Amino acid sequence: MNQAKSRQHTMNLAPNFPDDHTMHLLMQLVHEEIGLPERKTISLTTSINFDLGCDGADARHLMDALEEQFGIDLVDFDAYRYFQPEGFDVHLKRRAKGRGEKVPLTIGMLYQAIKSQRWDTQTLEGLKRNA
């Protein structure tokens, strides 16, 4: 019980952040799978791949957990659009330039995917352009 209280206390959420059961579950899952920085404000535009540094196995575990916990249809989800593969570039720094080609995957995109029960790449990526 104390852990849950302290976990919530360290999360710094943007003022307009959705405050509903779905978002609470999503943030709890993100915190458990990849961790949330204490001093960074989390908003719908926070990207889990760039801002929170989620990649490789962590990304796969997070998306698997989202699919399992929320029943999201991930047929249209392409991990390589957003994440480097597991074991990518641990020692070869020059190959990391490919990271710039990745698309940000935001908290808002995950939230909308949960709400609609499916990953629709075009719709979800359009969210951040219209934000």
C-alpha atoms as a PDB file:
ATOM      1  CA  MET A   1       0.000   0.000   0.000  1.00  0.00           C
ATOM      2  CA  ASN A   2       2.777   2.432   0.892  1.00  0.00           C
ATOM      3  CA  GLN A   3       4.540   1.634  -2.380  1.00  0.00           C
ATOM      4  CA  ALA A   4       1.479   2.627  -4.388  1.00  0.00           C
ATOM      5  CA  LYS A   5       1.231   5.929  -2.521  1.00  0.00           C
ATOM      6  CA  SER A   6       4.885   6.777  -3.025  1.00  0.00           C
ATOM      7  CA  ARG A   7       4.723   5.725  -6.676  1.00  0.00           C
ATOM      8  CA  GLN A   8       1.828   8.090  -7.313  1.00  0.00           C
ATOM      9  CA  HIS A   9       3.540  10.862  -5.386  1.00  0.00           C
ATOM     10  CA  THR A  10       6.669  10.773  -7.562  1.00  0.00           C
ATOM     11  CA  MET A  11       4.709  10.958 -10.823  1.00  0.00           C
ATOM     12  CA  ASN A  12       4.654  14.510 -12.151  1.00  0.00           C
ATOM     13  CA  LEU A  13       1.644  14.809 -14.479  1.00  0.00           C
ATOM     14  CA  ALA A  14       0.800  17.696 -16.787  1.00  0.00           C
ATOM     15  CA  PRO A  15      -2.205  19.828 -15.700  1.00  0.00           C
ATOM     16  CA  ASN A  16      -4.482  18.666 -18.558  1.00  0.00           C
ATOM     17  CA  PHE A  17      -3.626  14.975 -18.096  1.00  0.00           C
ATOM     18  CA  PRO A  18      -6.682  12.637 -18.239  1.00  0.00           C
ATOM     19  CA  ASP A  19      -7.695  11.485 -14.764  1.00  0.00           C
ATOM     20  CA  ASP A  20      -9.709   8.332 -15.410  1.00  0.00           C
ATOM     21  CA  HIS A  21      -9.404   4.656 -14.547  1.00  0.00           C
ATOM     22  CA  THR A  22      -7.970   3.714 -17.957  1.00  0.00           C
ATOM     23  CA  MET A  23      -5.173   6.286 -17.690  1.00  0.00           C
ATOM     24  CA  HIS A  24      -4.377   5.232 -14.116  1.00  0.00           C
ATOM     25  CA  LEU A  25      -4.013   1.616 -15.272  1.00  0.00           C
ATOM     26  CA  LEU A  26      -1.894   2.671 -18.257  1.00  0.00           C
ATOM     27  CA  MET A  27       0.448   4.794 -16.133  1.00  0.00           C
ATOM     28  CA  GLN A  28       0.777   2.016 -13.574  1.00  0.00           C
ATOM     29  CA  LEU A  29       1.709  -0.431 -16.344  1.00  0.00           C
ATOM     30  CA  VAL A  30       4.212   1.978 -17.930  1.00  0.00           C
ATOM     31  CA  HIS A  31       5.747   2.601 -14.506  1.00  0.00           C
ATOM     32  CA  GLU A  32       6.051  -1.141 -13.803  1.00  0.00           C
ATOM     33  CA  GLU A  33       7.436  -2.026 -17.244  1.00  0.00           C
ATOM     34  CA  ILE A  34       9.841   0.843 -17.994  1.00  0.00           C
ATOM     35  CA  GLY A  35       9.745   3.198 -15.010  1.00  0.00           C
ATOM     36  CA  LEU A  36       8.816   6.871 -14.961  1.00  0.00           C
ATOM     37  CA  PRO A  37      11.303   9.659 -14.249  1.00  0.00           C
ATOM     38  CA  GLU A  38      10.631  11.548 -11.014  1.00  0.00           C
ATOM     39  CA  ARG A  39      11.560  15.001 -12.255  1.00  0.00           C
ATOM     40  CA  LYS A  40      10.023  14.931 -15.699  1.00  0.00           C
ATOM     41  CA  THR A  41       6.447  16.078 -16.317  1.00  0.00           C
ATOM     42  CA  ILE A  42       4.463  13.356 -18.074  1.00  0.00           C
ATOM     43  CA  SER A  43       1.913  14.521 -20.661  1.00  0.00           C
ATOM     44  CA  LEU A  44      -0.029  12.973 -23.529  1.00  0.00           C
ATOM     45  CA  THR A  45       2.797  14.025 -25.861  1.00  0.00           C
ATOM     46  CA  THR A  46       5.528  12.323 -23.791  1.00  0.00           C
ATOM     47  CA  SER A  47       7.027   9.655 -26.049  1.00  0.00           C
ATOM     48  CA  ILE A  48       7.941   6.365 -24.422  1.00  0.00           C
ATOM     49  CA  ASN A  49      10.663   5.677 -26.980  1.00  0.00           C
ATOM     50  CA  PHE A  50      12.461   9.056 -27.078  1.00  0.00           C
ATOM     51  CA  ASP A  51      11.533  10.814 -23.810  1.00  0.00           C
ATOM     52  CA  LEU A  52      11.472   7.713 -21.589  1.00  0.00           C
ATOM     53  CA  GLY A  53      14.152   5.709 -23.443  1.00  0.00           C
ATOM     54  CA  CYS A  54      12.077   2.582 -24.003  1.00  0.00           C
ATOM     55  CA  ASP A  55      13.556   0.271 -26.662  1.00  0.00           C
ATOM     56  CA  GLY A  56      14.287  -3.357 -27.503  1.00  0.00           C
ATOM     57  CA  ALA A  57      13.128  -5.969 -24.985  1.00  0.00           C
ATOM     58  CA  ASP A  58      11.545  -3.333 -22.719  1.00  0.00           C
ATOM     59  CA  ALA A  59       9.402  -2.104 -25.612  1.00  0.00           C
ATOM     60  CA  ARG A  60       8.359  -5.638 -26.519  1.00  0.00           C
ATOM     61  CA  HIS A  61       7.425  -6.431 -22.907  1.00  0.00           C
ATOM     62  CA  LEU A  62       5.439  -3.193 -22.615  1.00  0.00           C
ATOM     63  CA  MET A  63       3.469  -3.778 -25.821  1.00  0.00           C
ATOM     64  CA  ASP A  64       2.846  -7.443 -24.892  1.00  0.00           C
ATOM     65  CA  ALA A  65       1.547  -6.320 -21.490  1.00  0.00           C
ATOM     66  CA  LEU A  66      -0.697  -3.678 -23.116  1.00  0.00           C
ATOM     67  CA  GLU A  67      -2.120  -6.278 -25.486  1.00  0.00           C
ATOM     68  CA  GLU A  68      -2.718  -8.743 -22.644  1.00  0.00           C
ATOM     69  CA  GLN A  69      -4.055  -6.333 -19.999  1.00  0.00           C
ATOM     70  CA  PHE A  70      -6.216  -4.154 -22.245  1.00  0.00           C
ATOM     71  CA  GLY A  71      -7.047  -6.537 -25.100  1.00  0.00           C
ATOM     72  CA  ILE A  72      -5.702  -4.202 -27.777  1.00  0.00           C
ATOM     73  CA  ASP A  73      -5.655  -5.571 -31.330  1.00  0.00           C
ATOM     74  CA  LEU A  74      -2.042  -4.933 -32.412  1.00  0.00           C
ATOM     75  CA  VAL A  75      -2.337  -6.291 -35.959  1.00  0.00           C
ATOM     76  CA  ASP A  76      -1.449  -2.857 -37.413  1.00  0.00           C
ATOM     77  CA  PHE A  77       1.388  -2.245 -34.903  1.00  0.00           C
ATOM     78  CA  ASP A  78       4.916  -2.264 -36.351  1.00  0.00           C
ATOM     79  CA  ALA A  79       7.490  -2.194 -33.547  1.00  0.00           C
ATOM     80  CA  TYR A  80      10.268  -1.157 -35.954  1.00  0.00           C
ATOM     81  CA  ARG A  81       8.507   2.164 -36.667  1.00  0.00           C
ATOM     82  CA  TYR A  82       9.072   3.153 -33.045  1.00  0.00           C
ATOM     83  CA  PHE A  83      11.748   0.985 -31.435  1.00  0.00           C
ATOM     84  CA  GLN A  84      15.226  -0.301 -32.115  1.00  0.00           C
ATOM     85  CA  PRO A  85      15.367  -4.108 -32.105  1.00  0.00           C
ATOM     86  CA  GLU A  86      16.643  -5.975 -29.053  1.00  0.00           C
ATOM     87  CA  GLY A  87      20.412  -5.915 -28.668  1.00  0.00           C
ATOM     88  CA  PHE A  88      20.712  -3.086 -31.194  1.00  0.00           C
ATOM     89  CA  ASP A  89      23.890  -1.075 -31.067  1.00  0.00           C
ATOM     90  CA  VAL A  90      25.142  -1.831 -27.613  1.00  0.00           C
ATOM     91  CA  HIS A  91      28.755  -1.291 -28.745  1.00  0.00           C
ATOM     92  CA  LEU A  92      28.536   0.179 -32.250  1.00  0.00           C
ATOM     93  CA  LYS A  93      27.611   3.813 -31.654  1.00  0.00           C
ATOM     94  CA  ARG A  94      27.676   4.792 -35.339  1.00  0.00           C
ATOM     95  CA  ARG A  95      24.690   2.527 -36.068  1.00  0.00           C
ATOM     96  CA  ALA A  96      22.588   4.466 -33.561  1.00  0.00           C
ATOM     97  CA  LYS A  97      21.970   7.141 -36.212  1.00  0.00           C
ATOM     98  CA  GLY A  98      18.993   5.055 -37.366  1.00  0.00           C
ATOM     99  CA  ARG A  99      17.208   6.171 -34.199  1.00  0.00           C
ATOM    100  CA  GLY A 100      16.418   9.501 -35.854  1.00  0.00           C
ATOM    101  CA  GLU A 101      14.209   7.685 -38.359  1.00  0.00           C
ATOM    102  CA  LYS A 102      11.919   6.338 -35.634  1.00  0.00           C
ATOM    103  CA  VAL A 103       8.477   7.815 -34.999  1.00  0.00           C
ATOM    104  CA  PRO A 104       7.627   9.023 -31.459  1.00  0.00           C
ATOM    105  CA  LEU A 105       5.178   6.722 -29.670  1.00  0.00           C
ATOM    106  CA  THR A 106       3.348   8.848 -27.104  1.00  0.00           C
ATOM    107  CA  ILE A 107       1.359   8.212 -23.942  1.00  0.00           C
ATOM    108  CA  GLY A 108      -1.620   9.745 -25.785  1.00  0.00           C
ATOM    109  CA  MET A 109      -1.291   7.187 -28.602  1.00  0.00           C
ATOM    110  CA  LEU A 110      -1.282   4.310 -26.099  1.00  0.00           C
ATOM    111  CA  TYR A 111      -4.277   5.825 -24.290  1.00  0.00           C
ATOM    112  CA  GLN A 112      -6.297   6.138 -27.513  1.00  0.00           C
ATOM    113  CA  ALA A 113      -5.344   2.602 -28.584  1.00  0.00           C
ATOM    114  CA  ILE A 114      -6.689   1.293 -25.266  1.00  0.00           C
ATOM    115  CA  LYS A 115      -9.891   3.317 -25.644  1.00  0.00           C
ATOM    116  CA  SER A 116     -10.509   2.055 -29.190  1.00  0.00           C
ATOM    117  CA  GLN A 117      -9.203  -1.478 -28.425  1.00  0.00           C
ATOM    118  CA  ARG A 118      -6.973  -1.457 -31.513  1.00  0.00           C
ATOM    119  CA  TRP A 119      -3.751  -0.027 -32.854  1.00  0.00           C
ATOM    120  CA  ASP A 120      -4.517   2.053 -35.947  1.00  0.00           C
ATOM    121  CA  THR A 121      -1.170   3.536 -36.993  1.00  0.00           C
ATOM    122  CA  GLN A 122      -2.520   6.244 -39.286  1.00  0.00           C
ATOM    123  CA  THR A 123      -5.128   7.483 -36.790  1.00  0.00           C
ATOM    124  CA  LEU A 124      -2.808   7.339 -33.778  1.00  0.00           C
ATOM    125  CA  GLU A 125       0.112   9.059 -35.504  1.00  0.00           C
ATOM    126  CA  GLY A 126      -2.315  11.721 -36.717  1.00  0.00           C
ATOM    127  CA  LEU A 127      -3.091  12.568 -33.073  1.00  0.00           C
ATOM    128  CA  LYS A 128       0.241  14.215 -32.431  1.00  0.00           C
ATOM    129  CA  ARG A 129       0.077  16.221 -35.674  1.00  0.00           C
ATOM    130  CA  ASN A 130      -3.320  17.597 -34.651  1.00  0.00           C
ATOM    131  CA  ALA A 131      -2.401  18.195 -31.002  1.00  0.00           C
END
